[in-house]
Amino acid sequence: MPLHSPRRSPVVALLALLLGLTVALIELDVIDYAFERVGVESRYLISLLAASLLGSGVNVPLTRRRDEAPQLSVNLGGAVIPTALSAYLLWQGAAVWQSLLAIALVAMVVHRLARPVAQVGITVPIVVPPLVAAGAALLLAPSSAPAVAYVAGTLGTLIGADLTNLALLRRLGGPQVSIGGAGTFDGIFVTGILAVMLA
């Protein structure tokens, strides 16, 4: 299946800043500690974060472009990897019903706050989703809060920002619609890390 690079947006500088901040937090063992609380061994952490960041530039097409309709694709770093990790955490026993409730709560809040930006996609506030995810996780499943916070933060943001706004995404212009792409990736990436640390 062919892979395509998404249109670069003004958030590239922010992503570079996030990468630097991530490296600094790793050096301070903050992210290492947070993800070990979730259930991800530290030896896999760098590879996982690097795959997410590098995968933000890769869109996997789901549909072929017809006439003037934009091509629908899914972003590797902003959708596939976070969803796969969330599925792994749920399979490992991350309080499934509590996680589903937390996902629904985050998705509703993010959907209300999401804003369309032409040629970028759906943008979300970078602080609110992790706060909601962490709060929901601590309230619903205090014994497994870090894992629930990650699952709710990433999947809730993905659902609330992109999946519930697919029709709107198609009207924003551009050759393709990327689920978890440029406008949403930074929100999902940061939300996952911050939600775990807050919880």
C-alpha atoms as a PDB file:
ATOM      1  CA  MET A   1       0.000   0.000   0.000  1.00  0.00           C
ATOM      2  CA  PRO A   2       1.547   3.337  -0.995  1.00  0.00           C
ATOM      3  CA  LEU A   3       2.408   5.851   1.675  1.00  0.00           C
ATOM      4  CA  HIS A   4       2.116   9.616   1.333  1.00  0.00           C
ATOM      5  CA  SER A   5       3.575  12.540   3.243  1.00  0.00           C
ATOM      6  CA  PRO A   6       0.990  15.036   4.555  1.00  0.00           C
ATOM      7  CA  ARG A   7       1.045  18.735   3.769  1.00  0.00           C
ATOM      8  CA  ARG A   8       3.360  20.460   6.238  1.00  0.00           C
ATOM      9  CA  SER A   9       1.658  22.924   8.563  1.00  0.00           C
ATOM     10  CA  PRO A  10       2.732  25.757  10.871  1.00  0.00           C
ATOM     11  CA  VAL A  11       2.955  23.262  13.755  1.00  0.00           C
ATOM     12  CA  VAL A  12       6.252  21.827  12.453  1.00  0.00           C
ATOM     13  CA  ALA A  13       8.188  24.222  14.697  1.00  0.00           C
ATOM     14  CA  LEU A  14       6.028  23.142  17.619  1.00  0.00           C
ATOM     15  CA  LEU A  15       6.748  19.489  16.881  1.00  0.00           C
ATOM     16  CA  ALA A  16      10.476  20.221  16.859  1.00  0.00           C
ATOM     17  CA  LEU A  17      10.057  21.907  20.240  1.00  0.00           C
ATOM     18  CA  LEU A  18       8.087  18.905  21.495  1.00  0.00           C
ATOM     19  CA  LEU A  19      10.853  16.580  20.359  1.00  0.00           C
ATOM     20  CA  GLY A  20      13.410  18.614  22.299  1.00  0.00           C
ATOM     21  CA  LEU A  21      11.174  18.677  25.370  1.00  0.00           C
ATOM     22  CA  THR A  22      10.576  14.941  25.069  1.00  0.00           C
ATOM     23  CA  VAL A  23      14.319  14.234  24.944  1.00  0.00           C
ATOM     24  CA  ALA A  24      14.845  16.468  27.992  1.00  0.00           C
ATOM     25  CA  LEU A  25      12.091  14.678  29.918  1.00  0.00           C
ATOM     26  CA  ILE A  26      13.546  11.306  28.953  1.00  0.00           C
ATOM     27  CA  GLU A  27      16.938  12.419  30.258  1.00  0.00           C
ATOM     28  CA  LEU A  28      15.243  13.371  33.536  1.00  0.00           C
ATOM     29  CA  ASP A  29      13.512   9.958  33.616  1.00  0.00           C
ATOM     30  CA  VAL A  30      10.091  11.651  33.786  1.00  0.00           C
ATOM     31  CA  ILE A  31       8.627  10.008  30.676  1.00  0.00           C
ATOM     32  CA  ASP A  32      10.450   6.775  31.470  1.00  0.00           C
ATOM     33  CA  TYR A  33       8.745   6.644  34.878  1.00  0.00           C
ATOM     34  CA  ALA A  34       5.359   7.610  33.445  1.00  0.00           C
ATOM     35  CA  PHE A  35       5.323   4.925  30.767  1.00  0.00           C
ATOM     36  CA  GLU A  36       6.613   2.259  33.131  1.00  0.00           C
ATOM     37  CA  ARG A  37       3.548   3.066  35.265  1.00  0.00           C
ATOM     38  CA  VAL A  38       1.450   2.417  32.155  1.00  0.00           C
ATOM     39  CA  GLY A  39       3.128  -0.898  31.434  1.00  0.00           C
ATOM     40  CA  VAL A  40       5.568  -0.004  28.648  1.00  0.00           C
ATOM     41  CA  GLU A  41       9.104  -1.152  29.410  1.00  0.00           C
ATOM     42  CA  SER A  42      11.736   1.572  29.214  1.00  0.00           C
ATOM     43  CA  ARG A  43      13.726  -0.339  26.583  1.00  0.00           C
ATOM     44  CA  TYR A  44      10.824   0.101  24.145  1.00  0.00           C
ATOM     45  CA  LEU A  45      10.093   3.721  25.058  1.00  0.00           C
ATOM     46  CA  ILE A  46      12.540   5.519  22.750  1.00  0.00           C
ATOM     47  CA  SER A  47      11.527   3.370  19.792  1.00  0.00           C
ATOM     48  CA  LEU A  48       7.851   4.012  20.478  1.00  0.00           C
ATOM     49  CA  LEU A  49       8.250   7.783  20.769  1.00  0.00           C
ATOM     50  CA  ALA A  50      10.530   7.943  17.725  1.00  0.00           C
ATOM     51  CA  ALA A  51       8.072   5.864  15.692  1.00  0.00           C
ATOM     52  CA  SER A  52       5.255   8.214  16.674  1.00  0.00           C
ATOM     53  CA  LEU A  53       7.211  11.338  15.728  1.00  0.00           C
ATOM     54  CA  LEU A  54       8.559   9.927  12.466  1.00  0.00           C
ATOM     55  CA  GLY A  55       5.198   8.345  11.698  1.00  0.00           C
ATOM     56  CA  SER A  56       3.550  11.778  11.830  1.00  0.00           C
ATOM     57  CA  GLY A  57       4.909  12.277   8.331  1.00  0.00           C
ATOM     58  CA  VAL A  58       3.334   9.097   6.938  1.00  0.00           C
ATOM     59  CA  ASN A  59      -0.273   8.774   5.785  1.00  0.00           C
ATOM     60  CA  VAL A  60      -1.611   5.369   4.751  1.00  0.00           C
ATOM     61  CA  PRO A  61      -4.394   5.753   2.130  1.00  0.00           C
ATOM     62  CA  LEU A  62      -7.730   4.135   2.943  1.00  0.00           C
ATOM     63  CA  THR A  63      -9.566   5.212  -0.210  1.00  0.00           C
ATOM     64  CA  ARG A  64      -8.607   6.159  -3.736  1.00  0.00           C
ATOM     65  CA  ARG A  65      -9.203   9.700  -4.854  1.00  0.00           C
ATOM     66  CA  ARG A  66     -12.178  10.086  -7.186  1.00  0.00           C
ATOM     67  CA  ASP A  67     -12.961  13.268  -9.110  1.00  0.00           C
ATOM     68  CA  GLU A  68     -12.589  16.202  -6.716  1.00  0.00           C
ATOM     69  CA  ALA A  69     -13.152  14.220  -3.519  1.00  0.00           C
ATOM     70  CA  PRO A  70     -10.152  14.233  -1.136  1.00  0.00           C
ATOM     71  CA  GLN A  71      -8.408  10.943  -0.473  1.00  0.00           C
ATOM     72  CA  LEU A  72      -9.086   9.500   2.989  1.00  0.00           C
ATOM     73  CA  SER A  73      -5.988   8.287   4.843  1.00  0.00           C
ATOM     74  CA  VAL A  74      -4.856   7.419   8.360  1.00  0.00           C
ATOM     75  CA  ASN A  75      -1.723   8.899   9.926  1.00  0.00           C
ATOM     76  CA  LEU A  76       0.809   6.396  11.238  1.00  0.00           C
ATOM     77  CA  GLY A  77       2.107   8.473  14.153  1.00  0.00           C
ATOM     78  CA  GLY A  78      -1.137  10.245  15.044  1.00  0.00           C
ATOM     79  CA  ALA A  79      -3.611   7.373  14.734  1.00  0.00           C
ATOM     80  CA  VAL A  80      -2.175   3.901  14.072  1.00  0.00           C
ATOM     81  CA  ILE A  81       0.556   3.794  16.736  1.00  0.00           C
ATOM     82  CA  PRO A  82      -1.502   5.421  19.550  1.00  0.00           C
ATOM     83  CA  THR A  83      -4.469   3.158  18.743  1.00  0.00           C
ATOM     84  CA  ALA A  84      -2.249   0.063  18.731  1.00  0.00           C
ATOM     85  CA  LEU A  85      -0.708   1.010  22.096  1.00  0.00           C
ATOM     86  CA  SER A  86      -4.151   1.747  23.532  1.00  0.00           C
ATOM     87  CA  ALA A  87      -5.414  -1.645  22.335  1.00  0.00           C
ATOM     88  CA  TYR A  88      -2.381  -3.307  23.955  1.00  0.00           C
ATOM     89  CA  LEU A  89      -3.048  -1.526  27.264  1.00  0.00           C
ATOM     90  CA  LEU A  90      -6.714  -2.532  27.185  1.00  0.00           C
ATOM     91  CA  TRP A  91      -5.713  -6.116  26.422  1.00  0.00           C
ATOM     92  CA  GLN A  92      -3.329  -5.989  29.381  1.00  0.00           C
ATOM     93  CA  GLY A  93      -6.256  -5.111  31.628  1.00  0.00           C
ATOM     94  CA  ALA A  94      -6.458  -1.315  31.758  1.00  0.00           C
ATOM     95  CA  ALA A  95      -9.971  -1.228  33.345  1.00  0.00           C
ATOM     96  CA  VAL A  96     -11.906  -1.617  30.087  1.00  0.00           C
ATOM     97  CA  TRP A  97     -15.309  -0.206  31.088  1.00  0.00           C
ATOM     98  CA  GLN A  98     -13.767   2.714  32.948  1.00  0.00           C
ATOM     99  CA  SER A  99     -11.527   3.366  29.935  1.00  0.00           C
ATOM    100  CA  LEU A 100     -14.526   3.420  27.591  1.00  0.00           C
ATOM    101  CA  LEU A 101     -16.327   5.937  29.823  1.00  0.00           C
ATOM    102  CA  ALA A 102     -13.208   8.105  30.017  1.00  0.00           C
ATOM    103  CA  ILE A 103     -12.762   7.920  26.226  1.00  0.00           C
ATOM    104  CA  ALA A 104     -16.362   9.079  25.734  1.00  0.00           C
ATOM    105  CA  LEU A 105     -15.871  11.990  28.145  1.00  0.00           C
ATOM    106  CA  VAL A 106     -12.636  13.157  26.500  1.00  0.00           C
ATOM    107  CA  ALA A 107     -14.170  12.761  23.026  1.00  0.00           C
ATOM    108  CA  MET A 108     -17.159  14.941  23.957  1.00  0.00           C
ATOM    109  CA  VAL A 109     -14.967  17.689  25.422  1.00  0.00           C
ATOM    110  CA  VAL A 110     -12.516  17.624  22.502  1.00  0.00           C
ATOM    111  CA  HIS A 111     -15.346  17.666  19.959  1.00  0.00           C
ATOM    112  CA  ARG A 112     -16.729  20.829  21.558  1.00  0.00           C
ATOM    113  CA  LEU A 113     -13.302  22.505  21.538  1.00  0.00           C
ATOM    114  CA  ALA A 114     -12.009  21.308  18.151  1.00  0.00           C
ATOM    115  CA  ARG A 115     -11.590  23.982  15.486  1.00  0.00           C
ATOM    116  CA  PRO A 116     -11.124  23.508  11.725  1.00  0.00           C
ATOM    117  CA  VAL A 117      -8.108  25.158  10.092  1.00  0.00           C
ATOM    118  CA  ALA A 118      -7.951  25.273   6.306  1.00  0.00           C
ATOM    119  CA  GLN A 119      -5.127  23.229   4.744  1.00  0.00           C
ATOM    120  CA  VAL A 120      -4.188  21.902   8.222  1.00  0.00           C
ATOM    121  CA  GLY A 121      -7.158  19.991   9.592  1.00  0.00           C
ATOM    122  CA  ILE A 122      -8.815  19.922  12.996  1.00  0.00           C
ATOM    123  CA  THR A 123      -6.843  21.553  15.784  1.00  0.00           C
ATOM    124  CA  VAL A 124      -7.383  20.911  19.478  1.00  0.00           C
ATOM    125  CA  PRO A 125      -6.240  22.732  22.618  1.00  0.00           C
ATOM    126  CA  ILE A 126      -3.087  21.023  23.803  1.00  0.00           C
ATOM    127  CA  VAL A 127      -3.729  21.221  27.565  1.00  0.00           C
ATOM    128  CA  VAL A 128      -7.434  20.439  28.028  1.00  0.00           C
ATOM    129  CA  PRO A 129      -7.532  16.809  26.726  1.00  0.00           C
ATOM    130  CA  PRO A 130      -4.783  15.515  29.060  1.00  0.00           C
ATOM    131  CA  LEU A 131      -6.366  17.273  32.039  1.00  0.00           C
ATOM    132  CA  VAL A 132      -9.765  15.733  31.276  1.00  0.00           C
ATOM    133  CA  ALA A 133      -8.223  12.310  30.610  1.00  0.00           C
ATOM    134  CA  ALA A 134      -6.177  12.342  33.825  1.00  0.00           C
ATOM    135  CA  GLY A 135      -9.116  13.579  35.889  1.00  0.00           C
ATOM    136  CA  ALA A 136     -11.440  10.930  34.465  1.00  0.00           C
ATOM    137  CA  ALA A 137      -8.857   8.198  35.001  1.00  0.00           C
ATOM    138  CA  LEU A 138      -8.234   9.174  38.618  1.00  0.00           C
ATOM    139  CA  LEU A 139     -11.966   9.339  39.295  1.00  0.00           C
ATOM    140  CA  LEU A 140     -13.030   6.160  37.472  1.00  0.00           C
ATOM    141  CA  ALA A 141     -10.021   3.861  37.897  1.00  0.00           C
ATOM    142  CA  PRO A 142      -7.533   5.177  40.477  1.00  0.00           C
ATOM    143  CA  SER A 143      -5.655   1.873  40.676  1.00  0.00           C
ATOM    144  CA  SER A 144      -4.847   1.893  36.952  1.00  0.00           C
ATOM    145  CA  ALA A 145      -5.071   5.632  36.304  1.00  0.00           C
ATOM    146  CA  PRO A 146      -1.929   6.037  34.126  1.00  0.00           C
ATOM    147  CA  ALA A 147      -3.010   3.391  31.604  1.00  0.00           C
ATOM    148  CA  VAL A 148      -6.622   4.629  31.520  1.00  0.00           C
ATOM    149  CA  ALA A 149      -5.398   8.218  31.133  1.00  0.00           C
ATOM    150  CA  TYR A 150      -3.275   7.288  28.105  1.00  0.00           C
ATOM    151  CA  VAL A 151      -6.078   5.327  26.439  1.00  0.00           C
ATOM    152  CA  ALA A 152      -8.694   8.015  27.127  1.00  0.00           C
ATOM    153  CA  GLY A 153      -6.396  10.876  26.180  1.00  0.00           C
ATOM    154  CA  THR A 154      -5.262   9.475  22.853  1.00  0.00           C
ATOM    155  CA  LEU A 155      -8.422   7.706  21.653  1.00  0.00           C
ATOM    156  CA  GLY A 156     -10.715  10.404  23.035  1.00  0.00           C
ATOM    157  CA  THR A 157      -8.752  13.092  21.195  1.00  0.00           C
ATOM    158  CA  LEU A 158      -8.656  11.060  17.987  1.00  0.00           C
ATOM    159  CA  ILE A 159     -12.410  10.374  18.095  1.00  0.00           C
ATOM    160  CA  GLY A 160     -13.463  13.839  19.254  1.00  0.00           C
ATOM    161  CA  ALA A 161     -11.223  15.762  16.888  1.00  0.00           C
ATOM    162  CA  ASP A 162     -11.120  13.729  13.682  1.00  0.00           C
ATOM    163  CA  LEU A 163     -13.609  10.846  13.549  1.00  0.00           C
ATOM    164  CA  THR A 164     -16.609  12.933  14.604  1.00  0.00           C
ATOM    165  CA  ASN A 165     -15.558  15.675  12.166  1.00  0.00           C
ATOM    166  CA  LEU A 166     -14.873  13.637   9.020  1.00  0.00           C
ATOM    167  CA  ALA A 167     -17.509  15.485   7.007  1.00  0.00           C
ATOM    168  CA  LEU A 168     -16.002  18.807   8.067  1.00  0.00           C
ATOM    169  CA  LEU A 169     -12.490  17.596   7.280  1.00  0.00           C
ATOM    170  CA  ARG A 170     -13.562  16.770   3.734  1.00  0.00           C
ATOM    171  CA  ARG A 171     -14.693  20.385   3.220  1.00  0.00           C
ATOM    172  CA  LEU A 172     -11.454  22.000   4.430  1.00  0.00           C
ATOM    173  CA  GLY A 173      -9.705  21.606   1.105  1.00  0.00           C
ATOM    174  CA  GLY A 174      -6.530  19.809   0.136  1.00  0.00           C
ATOM    175  CA  PRO A 175      -5.927  16.566  -1.741  1.00  0.00           C
ATOM    176  CA  GLN A 176      -6.433  14.280   1.255  1.00  0.00           C
ATOM    177  CA  VAL A 177      -8.120  13.936   4.628  1.00  0.00           C
ATOM    178  CA  SER A 178      -5.760  12.464   7.214  1.00  0.00           C
ATOM    179  CA  ILE A 179      -7.175  10.907  10.392  1.00  0.00           C
ATOM    180  CA  GLY A 180      -4.705  11.776  13.152  1.00  0.00           C
ATOM    181  CA  GLY A 181      -2.745  13.980  10.748  1.00  0.00           C
ATOM    182  CA  ALA A 182      -1.049  17.358  10.967  1.00  0.00           C
ATOM    183  CA  GLY A 183      -3.636  19.344  12.910  1.00  0.00           C
ATOM    184  CA  THR A 184      -4.348  16.574  15.420  1.00  0.00           C
ATOM    185  CA  PHE A 185      -1.032  14.718  15.759  1.00  0.00           C
ATOM    186  CA  ASP A 186       0.604  17.141  18.177  1.00  0.00           C
ATOM    187  CA  GLY A 187      -2.520  17.092  20.364  1.00  0.00           C
ATOM    188  CA  ILE A 188      -2.608  13.289  20.452  1.00  0.00           C
ATOM    189  CA  PHE A 189       1.142  12.911  21.046  1.00  0.00           C
ATOM    190  CA  VAL A 190       1.297  15.464  23.859  1.00  0.00           C
ATOM    191  CA  THR A 191      -2.031  14.359  25.362  1.00  0.00           C
ATOM    192  CA  GLY A 192      -0.802  10.787  25.710  1.00  0.00           C
ATOM    193  CA  ILE A 193       2.360  11.796  27.541  1.00  0.00           C
ATOM    194  CA  LEU A 194       0.806  14.513  29.714  1.00  0.00           C
ATOM    195  CA  ALA A 195      -2.216  12.418  30.661  1.00  0.00           C
ATOM    196  CA  VAL A 196       0.036   9.632  31.945  1.00  0.00           C
ATOM    197  CA  MET A 197       2.250  12.025  33.901  1.00  0.00           C
ATOM    198  CA  LEU A 198      -0.731  13.848  35.422  1.00  0.00           C
ATOM    199  CA  ALA A 199      -2.384  10.596  36.449  1.00  0.00           C
END
